[in-house]
Amino acid sequence: MLLHKAGRMVLLYDFYGKLLTPKQQEVMRLYYEEDLSLGEIAEELKITRQAVYDILKRSEQALEKYERKLGLLEGNSKKSAEGD
């Protein structure tokens, strides 16, 4: 089952979010959970829109890296599929 990017990021964040820096956690939460735009996040955090974009991209890359190394999401998905 392929998840769309936003859904996948939310799940990866659930598994690995605590491994991100506090700033990365905040940006991920505001973007994916609060559904704020890059501009709205920039305004709230008093940083540039480009900084928000960079933090978001680095955070997403870090979450994907953790998943490649640890495989918690994939393992959980397999368990769910076997339980059906």
PDB file of N, CA and C in Angstrom:
ATOM      1  N   MET A   1       0.846  -1.185   0.000  1.00  0.00           N
ATOM      2  CA  MET A   1       0.000   0.000   0.000  1.00  0.00           C
ATOM      3  C   MET A   1       0.891   1.248   0.000  1.00  0.00           C
ATOM      4  N   LEU A   2       0.701   2.079  -0.974  1.00  0.00           N
ATOM      5  CA  LEU A   2       1.455   3.326  -1.046  1.00  0.00           C
ATOM      6  C   LEU A   2       0.656   4.443  -0.399  1.00  0.00           C
ATOM      7  N   LEU A   3       1.283   5.138   0.488  1.00  0.00           N
ATOM      8  CA  LEU A   3       0.648   6.284   1.119  1.00  0.00           C
ATOM      9  C   LEU A   3       1.021   7.543   0.374  1.00  0.00           C
ATOM     10  N   HIS A   4       0.087   8.475   0.305  1.00  0.00           N
ATOM     11  CA  HIS A   4       0.486   9.758  -0.267  1.00  0.00           C
ATOM     12  C   HIS A   4       1.482  10.404   0.688  1.00  0.00           C
ATOM     13  N   LYS A   5       2.247  11.335   0.185  1.00  0.00           N
ATOM     14  CA  LYS A   5       3.376  11.888   0.937  1.00  0.00           C
ATOM     15  C   LYS A   5       2.968  12.429   2.306  1.00  0.00           C
ATOM     16  N   ALA A   6       1.908  13.203   2.359  1.00  0.00           N
ATOM     17  CA  ALA A   6       1.517  13.808   3.640  1.00  0.00           C
ATOM     18  C   ALA A   6       1.169  12.733   4.659  1.00  0.00           C
ATOM     19  N   GLY A   7       0.424  11.738   4.238  1.00  0.00           N
ATOM     20  CA  GLY A   7       0.067  10.651   5.154  1.00  0.00           C
ATOM     21  C   GLY A   7       1.287   9.901   5.629  1.00  0.00           C
ATOM     22  N   ARG A   8       2.205   9.645   4.713  1.00  0.00           N
ATOM     23  CA  ARG A   8       3.442   8.946   5.073  1.00  0.00           C
ATOM     24  C   ARG A   8       4.260   9.775   6.062  1.00  0.00           C
ATOM     25  N   MET A   9       4.369  11.077   5.817  1.00  0.00           N
ATOM     26  CA  MET A   9       5.142  11.931   6.712  1.00  0.00           C
ATOM     27  C   MET A   9       4.529  11.971   8.107  1.00  0.00           C
ATOM     28  N   VAL A  10       3.212  12.005   8.187  1.00  0.00           N
ATOM     29  CA  VAL A  10       2.551  12.012   9.495  1.00  0.00           C
ATOM     30  C   VAL A  10       2.872  10.715  10.244  1.00  0.00           C
ATOM     31  N   LEU A  11       2.812   9.589   9.541  1.00  0.00           N
ATOM     32  CA  LEU A  11       3.136   8.313  10.186  1.00  0.00           C
ATOM     33  C   LEU A  11       4.604   8.239  10.587  1.00  0.00           C
ATOM     34  N   LEU A  12       5.492   8.679   9.702  1.00  0.00           N
ATOM     35  CA  LEU A  12       6.916   8.682  10.042  1.00  0.00           C
ATOM     36  C   LEU A  12       7.174   9.591  11.238  1.00  0.00           C
ATOM     37  N   TYR A  13       6.497  10.727  11.275  1.00  0.00           N
ATOM     38  CA  TYR A  13       6.648  11.649  12.399  1.00  0.00           C
ATOM     39  C   TYR A  13       6.182  10.990  13.696  1.00  0.00           C
ATOM     40  N   ASP A  14       5.088  10.220  13.623  1.00  0.00           N
ATOM     41  CA  ASP A  14       4.603   9.511  14.810  1.00  0.00           C
ATOM     42  C   ASP A  14       5.667   8.557  15.341  1.00  0.00           C
ATOM     43  N   PHE A  15       6.358   7.861  14.450  1.00  0.00           N
ATOM     44  CA  PHE A  15       7.383   6.906  14.864  1.00  0.00           C
ATOM     45  C   PHE A  15       8.688   7.578  15.286  1.00  0.00           C
ATOM     46  N   TYR A  16       9.137   8.560  14.525  1.00  0.00           N
ATOM     47  CA  TYR A  16      10.495   9.086  14.691  1.00  0.00           C
ATOM     48  C   TYR A  16      10.583  10.556  15.074  1.00  0.00           C
ATOM     49  N   GLY A  17       9.470  11.217  15.261  1.00  0.00           N
ATOM     50  CA  GLY A  17       9.477  12.659  15.507  1.00  0.00           C
ATOM     51  C   GLY A  17      10.359  13.096  16.661  1.00  0.00           C
ATOM     52  N   LYS A  18      10.434  12.282  17.701  1.00  0.00           N
ATOM     53  CA  LYS A  18      11.245  12.646  18.877  1.00  0.00           C
ATOM     54  C   LYS A  18      12.741  12.672  18.562  1.00  0.00           C
ATOM     55  N   LEU A  19      13.132  12.106  17.425  1.00  0.00           N
ATOM     56  CA  LEU A  19      14.539  12.118  17.032  1.00  0.00           C
ATOM     57  C   LEU A  19      14.928  13.417  16.317  1.00  0.00           C
ATOM     58  N   LEU A  20      13.936  14.212  15.943  1.00  0.00           N
ATOM     59  CA  LEU A  20      14.192  15.491  15.280  1.00  0.00           C
ATOM     60  C   LEU A  20      14.514  16.555  16.323  1.00  0.00           C
ATOM     61  N   THR A  21      15.113  17.643  15.885  1.00  0.00           N
ATOM     62  CA  THR A  21      15.376  18.767  16.782  1.00  0.00           C
ATOM     63  C   THR A  21      14.039  19.412  17.168  1.00  0.00           C
ATOM     64  N   PRO A  22      14.009  20.149  18.270  1.00  0.00           N
ATOM     65  CA  PRO A  22      12.761  20.832  18.642  1.00  0.00           C
ATOM     66  C   PRO A  22      12.221  21.733  17.529  1.00  0.00           C
ATOM     67  N   LYS A  23      13.097  22.443  16.820  1.00  0.00           N
ATOM     68  CA  LYS A  23      12.654  23.322  15.732  1.00  0.00           C
ATOM     69  C   LYS A  23      12.042  22.493  14.595  1.00  0.00           C
ATOM     70  N   GLN A  24      12.690  21.380  14.245  1.00  0.00           N
ATOM     71  CA  GLN A  24      12.154  20.504  13.205  1.00  0.00           C
ATOM     72  C   GLN A  24      10.806  19.944  13.629  1.00  0.00           C
ATOM     73  N   GLN A  25      10.684  19.542  14.884  1.00  0.00           N
ATOM     74  CA  GLN A  25       9.405  19.023  15.386  1.00  0.00           C
ATOM     75  C   GLN A  25       8.309  20.075  15.262  1.00  0.00           C
ATOM     76  N   GLU A  26       8.635  21.296  15.623  1.00  0.00           N
ATOM     77  CA  GLU A  26       7.647  22.377  15.577  1.00  0.00           C
ATOM     78  C   GLU A  26       7.194  22.646  14.144  1.00  0.00           C
ATOM     79  N   VAL A  27       8.148  22.731  13.216  1.00  0.00           N
ATOM     80  CA  VAL A  27       7.795  22.993  11.817  1.00  0.00           C
ATOM     81  C   VAL A  27       6.966  21.846  11.252  1.00  0.00           C
ATOM     82  N   MET A  28       7.365  20.607  11.526  1.00  0.00           N
ATOM     83  CA  MET A  28       6.599  19.446  11.039  1.00  0.00           C
ATOM     84  C   MET A  28       5.172  19.465  11.603  1.00  0.00           C
ATOM     85  N   ARG A  29       5.045  19.751  12.887  1.00  0.00           N
ATOM     86  CA  ARG A  29       3.723  19.783  13.515  1.00  0.00           C
ATOM     87  C   ARG A  29       2.847  20.870  12.896  1.00  0.00           C
ATOM     88  N   LEU A  30       3.424  22.057  12.738  1.00  0.00           N
ATOM     89  CA  LEU A  30       2.637  23.154  12.176  1.00  0.00           C
ATOM     90  C   LEU A  30       2.232  22.878  10.732  1.00  0.00           C
ATOM     91  N   TYR A  31       3.117  22.266   9.972  1.00  0.00           N
ATOM     92  CA  TYR A  31       2.839  22.020   8.561  1.00  0.00           C
ATOM     93  C   TYR A  31       1.881  20.841   8.357  1.00  0.00           C
ATOM     94  N   TYR A  32       2.160  19.730   8.998  1.00  0.00           N
ATOM     95  CA  TYR A  32       1.378  18.521   8.744  1.00  0.00           C
ATOM     96  C   TYR A  32       0.170  18.356   9.658  1.00  0.00           C
ATOM     97  N   GLU A  33       0.250  18.818  10.900  1.00  0.00           N
ATOM     98  CA  GLU A  33      -0.869  18.637  11.817  1.00  0.00           C
ATOM     99  C   GLU A  33      -1.780  19.859  11.861  1.00  0.00           C
ATOM    100  N   GLU A  34      -1.175  21.047  11.859  1.00  0.00           N
ATOM    101  CA  GLU A  34      -1.973  22.273  11.916  1.00  0.00           C
ATOM    102  C   GLU A  34      -2.345  22.775  10.519  1.00  0.00           C
ATOM    103  N   ASP A  35      -1.733  22.200   9.491  1.00  0.00           N
ATOM    104  CA  ASP A  35      -2.012  22.533   8.095  1.00  0.00           C
ATOM    105  C   ASP A  35      -1.749  24.002   7.764  1.00  0.00           C
ATOM    106  N   LEU A  36      -0.697  24.558   8.369  1.00  0.00           N
ATOM    107  CA  LEU A  36      -0.324  25.938   8.064  1.00  0.00           C
ATOM    108  C   LEU A  36       0.547  25.961   6.810  1.00  0.00           C
ATOM    109  N   SER A  37       0.506  27.060   6.089  1.00  0.00           N
ATOM    110  CA  SER A  37       1.354  27.225   4.910  1.00  0.00           C
ATOM    111  C   SER A  37       2.769  27.586   5.346  1.00  0.00           C
ATOM    112  N   LEU A  38       3.697  27.515   4.409  1.00  0.00           N
ATOM    113  CA  LEU A  38       5.074  27.894   4.714  1.00  0.00           C
ATOM    114  C   LEU A  38       5.138  29.340   5.191  1.00  0.00           C
ATOM    115  N   GLY A  39       4.392  30.205   4.534  1.00  0.00           N
ATOM    116  CA  GLY A  39       4.359  31.612   4.918  1.00  0.00           C
ATOM    117  C   GLY A  39       3.793  31.827   6.311  1.00  0.00           C
ATOM    118  N   GLU A  40       2.739  31.101   6.648  1.00  0.00           N
ATOM    119  CA  GLU A  40       2.137  31.225   7.980  1.00  0.00           C
ATOM    120  C   GLU A  40       3.100  30.737   9.063  1.00  0.00           C
ATOM    121  N   ILE A  41       3.800  29.634   8.771  1.00  0.00           N
ATOM    122  CA  ILE A  41       4.778  29.113   9.732  1.00  0.00           C
ATOM    123  C   ILE A  41       5.917  30.118   9.905  1.00  0.00           C
ATOM    124  N   ALA A  42       6.396  30.673   8.794  1.00  0.00           N
ATOM    125  CA  ALA A  42       7.475  31.659   8.843  1.00  0.00           C
ATOM    126  C   ALA A  42       7.076  32.847   9.721  1.00  0.00           C
ATOM    127  N   GLU A  43       5.855  33.315   9.528  1.00  0.00           N
ATOM    128  CA  GLU A  43       5.368  34.451  10.308  1.00  0.00           C
ATOM    129  C   GLU A  43       5.291  34.093  11.794  1.00  0.00           C
ATOM    130  N   GLU A  44       4.757  32.918  12.084  1.00  0.00           N
ATOM    131  CA  GLU A  44       4.609  32.506  13.486  1.00  0.00           C
ATOM    132  C   GLU A  44       5.959  32.326  14.177  1.00  0.00           C
ATOM    133  N   LEU A  45       6.932  31.749  13.462  1.00  0.00           N
ATOM    134  CA  LEU A  45       8.239  31.470  14.061  1.00  0.00           C
ATOM    135  C   LEU A  45       9.238  32.614  13.869  1.00  0.00           C
ATOM    136  N   LYS A  46       8.809  33.638  13.145  1.00  0.00           N
ATOM    137  CA  LYS A  46       9.660  34.806  12.878  1.00  0.00           C
ATOM    138  C   LYS A  46      10.962  34.414  12.170  1.00  0.00           C
ATOM    139  N   ILE A  47      10.804  33.579  11.151  1.00  0.00           N
ATOM    140  CA  ILE A  47      11.918  33.191  10.282  1.00  0.00           C
ATOM    141  C   ILE A  47      11.437  33.337   8.845  1.00  0.00           C
ATOM    142  N   THR A  48      12.342  33.198   7.892  1.00  0.00           N
ATOM    143  CA  THR A  48      11.946  33.358   6.497  1.00  0.00           C
ATOM    144  C   THR A  48      11.206  32.125   5.995  1.00  0.00           C
ATOM    145  N   ARG A  49      10.454  32.323   4.926  1.00  0.00           N
ATOM    146  CA  ARG A  49       9.745  31.223   4.283  1.00  0.00           C
ATOM    147  C   ARG A  49      10.753  30.185   3.781  1.00  0.00           C
ATOM    148  N   GLN A  50      11.890  30.665   3.268  1.00  0.00           N
ATOM    149  CA  GLN A  50      12.935  29.758   2.787  1.00  0.00           C
ATOM    150  C   GLN A  50      13.489  28.911   3.930  1.00  0.00           C
ATOM    151  N   ALA A  51      13.643  29.501   5.101  1.00  0.00           N
ATOM    152  CA  ALA A  51      14.125  28.746   6.264  1.00  0.00           C
ATOM    153  C   ALA A  51      13.127  27.651   6.642  1.00  0.00           C
ATOM    154  N   VAL A  52      11.844  27.981   6.592  1.00  0.00           N
ATOM    155  CA  VAL A  52      10.809  26.979   6.884  1.00  0.00           C
ATOM    156  C   VAL A  52      10.904  25.839   5.876  1.00  0.00           C
ATOM    157  N   TYR A  53      11.016  26.180   4.600  1.00  0.00           N
ATOM    158  CA  TYR A  53      11.130  25.167   3.543  1.00  0.00           C
ATOM    159  C   TYR A  53      12.341  24.271   3.787  1.00  0.00           C
ATOM    160  N   ASP A  54      13.487  24.879   4.097  1.00  0.00           N
ATOM    161  CA  ASP A  54      14.715  24.113   4.331  1.00  0.00           C
ATOM    162  C   ASP A  54      14.563  23.180   5.535  1.00  0.00           C
ATOM    163  N   ILE A  55      14.000  23.678   6.620  1.00  0.00           N
ATOM    164  CA  ILE A  55      13.794  22.853   7.821  1.00  0.00           C
ATOM    165  C   ILE A  55      12.857  21.694   7.501  1.00  0.00           C
ATOM    166  N   LEU A  56      11.796  21.993   6.774  1.00  0.00           N
ATOM    167  CA  LEU A  56      10.823  20.959   6.413  1.00  0.00           C
ATOM    168  C   LEU A  56      11.474  19.870   5.558  1.00  0.00           C
ATOM    169  N   LYS A  57      12.236  20.260   4.556  1.00  0.00           N
ATOM    170  CA  LYS A  57      12.891  19.280   3.669  1.00  0.00           C
ATOM    171  C   LYS A  57      13.914  18.444   4.441  1.00  0.00           C
ATOM    172  N   ARG A  58      14.708  19.095   5.288  1.00  0.00           N
ATOM    173  CA  ARG A  58      15.697  18.346   6.090  1.00  0.00           C
ATOM    174  C   ARG A  58      15.001  17.384   7.048  1.00  0.00           C
ATOM    175  N   SER A  59      13.894  17.810   7.607  1.00  0.00           N
ATOM    176  CA  SER A  59      13.134  16.960   8.526  1.00  0.00           C
ATOM    177  C   SER A  59      12.577  15.744   7.807  1.00  0.00           C
ATOM    178  N   GLU A  60      12.001  15.969   6.631  1.00  0.00           N
ATOM    179  CA  GLU A  60      11.451  14.862   5.841  1.00  0.00           C
ATOM    180  C   GLU A  60      12.550  13.878   5.463  1.00  0.00           C
ATOM    181  N   GLN A  61      13.702  14.403   5.061  1.00  0.00           N
ATOM    182  CA  GLN A  61      14.827  13.532   4.698  1.00  0.00           C
ATOM    183  C   GLN A  61      15.302  12.734   5.909  1.00  0.00           C
ATOM    184  N   ALA A  62      15.346  13.366   7.069  1.00  0.00           N
ATOM    185  CA  ALA A  62      15.770  12.676   8.287  1.00  0.00           C
ATOM    186  C   ALA A  62      14.791  11.560   8.632  1.00  0.00           C
ATOM    187  N   LEU A  63      13.492  11.832   8.531  1.00  0.00           N
ATOM    188  CA  LEU A  63      12.486  10.811   8.841  1.00  0.00           C
ATOM    189  C   LEU A  63      12.603   9.621   7.891  1.00  0.00           C
ATOM    190  N   GLU A  64      12.821   9.901   6.614  1.00  0.00           N
ATOM    191  CA  GLU A  64      12.989   8.817   5.637  1.00  0.00           C
ATOM    192  C   GLU A  64      14.261   8.018   5.941  1.00  0.00           C
ATOM    193  N   LYS A  65      15.310   8.699   6.363  1.00  0.00           N
ATOM    194  CA  LYS A  65      16.564   8.019   6.713  1.00  0.00           C
ATOM    195  C   LYS A  65      16.354   7.094   7.914  1.00  0.00           C
ATOM    196  N   TYR A  66      15.647   7.586   8.926  1.00  0.00           N
ATOM    197  CA  TYR A  66      15.370   6.752  10.095  1.00  0.00           C
ATOM    198  C   TYR A  66      14.558   5.519   9.683  1.00  0.00           C
ATOM    199  N   GLU A  67      13.598   5.704   8.794  1.00  0.00           N
ATOM    200  CA  GLU A  67      12.775   4.580   8.350  1.00  0.00           C
ATOM    201  C   GLU A  67      13.617   3.561   7.584  1.00  0.00           C
ATOM    202  N   ARG A  68      14.524   4.038   6.721  1.00  0.00           N
ATOM    203  CA  ARG A  68      15.399   3.109   5.987  1.00  0.00           C
ATOM    204  C   ARG A  68      16.253   2.290   6.947  1.00  0.00           C
ATOM    205  N   LYS A  69      16.722   2.925   8.012  1.00  0.00           N
ATOM    206  CA  LYS A  69      17.602   2.236   8.951  1.00  0.00           C
ATOM    207  C   LYS A  69      16.838   1.354   9.942  1.00  0.00           C
ATOM    208  N   LEU A  70      15.687   1.811  10.408  1.00  0.00           N
ATOM    209  CA  LEU A  70      14.971   1.126  11.480  1.00  0.00           C
ATOM    210  C   LEU A  70      13.739   0.353  11.025  1.00  0.00           C
ATOM    211  N   GLY A  71      13.083   0.820   9.975  1.00  0.00           N
ATOM    212  CA  GLY A  71      11.955   0.096   9.379  1.00  0.00           C
ATOM    213  C   GLY A  71      10.726  -0.069  10.248  1.00  0.00           C
ATOM    214  N   LEU A  72      10.496   0.837  11.185  1.00  0.00           N
ATOM    215  CA  LEU A  72       9.337   0.688  12.071  1.00  0.00           C
ATOM    216  C   LEU A  72       8.007   0.819  11.331  1.00  0.00           C
ATOM    217  N   LEU A  73       7.913   1.753  10.409  1.00  0.00           N
ATOM    218  CA  LEU A  73       6.665   1.937   9.663  1.00  0.00           C
ATOM    219  C   LEU A  73       6.380   0.719   8.787  1.00  0.00           C
ATOM    220  N   GLU A  74       7.386   0.264   8.078  1.00  0.00           N
ATOM    221  CA  GLU A  74       7.214  -0.904   7.213  1.00  0.00           C
ATOM    222  C   GLU A  74       6.846  -2.132   8.033  1.00  0.00           C
ATOM    223  N   GLY A  75       7.537  -2.337   9.145  1.00  0.00           N
ATOM    224  CA  GLY A  75       7.242  -3.464  10.007  1.00  0.00           C
ATOM    225  C   GLY A  75       5.845  -3.401  10.575  1.00  0.00           C
ATOM    226  N   ASN A  76       5.406  -2.208  10.970  1.00  0.00           N
ATOM    227  CA  ASN A  76       4.065  -2.035  11.493  1.00  0.00           C
ATOM    228  C   ASN A  76       3.016  -2.270  10.417  1.00  0.00           C
ATOM    229  N   SER A  77       3.296  -1.831   9.190  1.00  0.00           N
ATOM    230  CA  SER A  77       2.364  -2.028   8.075  1.00  0.00           C
ATOM    231  C   SER A  77       2.205  -3.513   7.763  1.00  0.00           C
ATOM    232  N   LYS A  78       3.313  -4.264   7.817  1.00  0.00           N
ATOM    233  CA  LYS A  78       3.252  -5.707   7.559  1.00  0.00           C
ATOM    234  C   LYS A  78       2.428  -6.407   8.628  1.00  0.00           C
ATOM    235  N   LYS A  79       2.610  -6.016   9.900  1.00  0.00           N
ATOM    236  CA  LYS A  79       1.841  -6.620  10.981  1.00  0.00           C
ATOM    237  C   LYS A  79       0.360  -6.353  10.807  1.00  0.00           C
ATOM    238  N   SER A  80       0.027  -5.114  10.406  1.00  0.00           N
ATOM    239  CA  SER A  80      -1.382  -4.748  10.194  1.00  0.00           C
ATOM    240  C   SER A  80      -1.978  -5.568   9.063  1.00  0.00           C
ATOM    241  N   ALA A  81      -1.224  -5.733   7.981  1.00  0.00           N
ATOM    242  CA  ALA A  81      -1.721  -6.493   6.834  1.00  0.00           C
ATOM    243  C   ALA A  81      -1.923  -7.966   7.191  1.00  0.00           C
ATOM    244  N   GLU A  82      -1.032  -8.524   8.007  1.00  0.00           N
ATOM    245  CA  GLU A  82      -1.157  -9.913   8.416  1.00  0.00           C
ATOM    246  C   GLU A  82      -2.342 -10.107   9.341  1.00  0.00           C
ATOM    247  N   GLY A  83      -2.692  -9.086  10.094  1.00  0.00           N
ATOM    248  CA  GLY A  83      -3.796  -9.176  11.045  1.00  0.00           C
ATOM    249  C   GLY A  83      -5.160  -9.125  10.385  1.00  0.00           C
ATOM    250  N   ASP A  84      -5.212  -8.653   9.121  1.00  0.00           N
ATOM    251  CA  ASP A  84      -6.500  -8.527   8.414  1.00  0.00           C
ATOM    252  C   ASP A  84      -7.050  -9.870   7.997  1.00  0.00           C
TER     253      ASP A  84
END
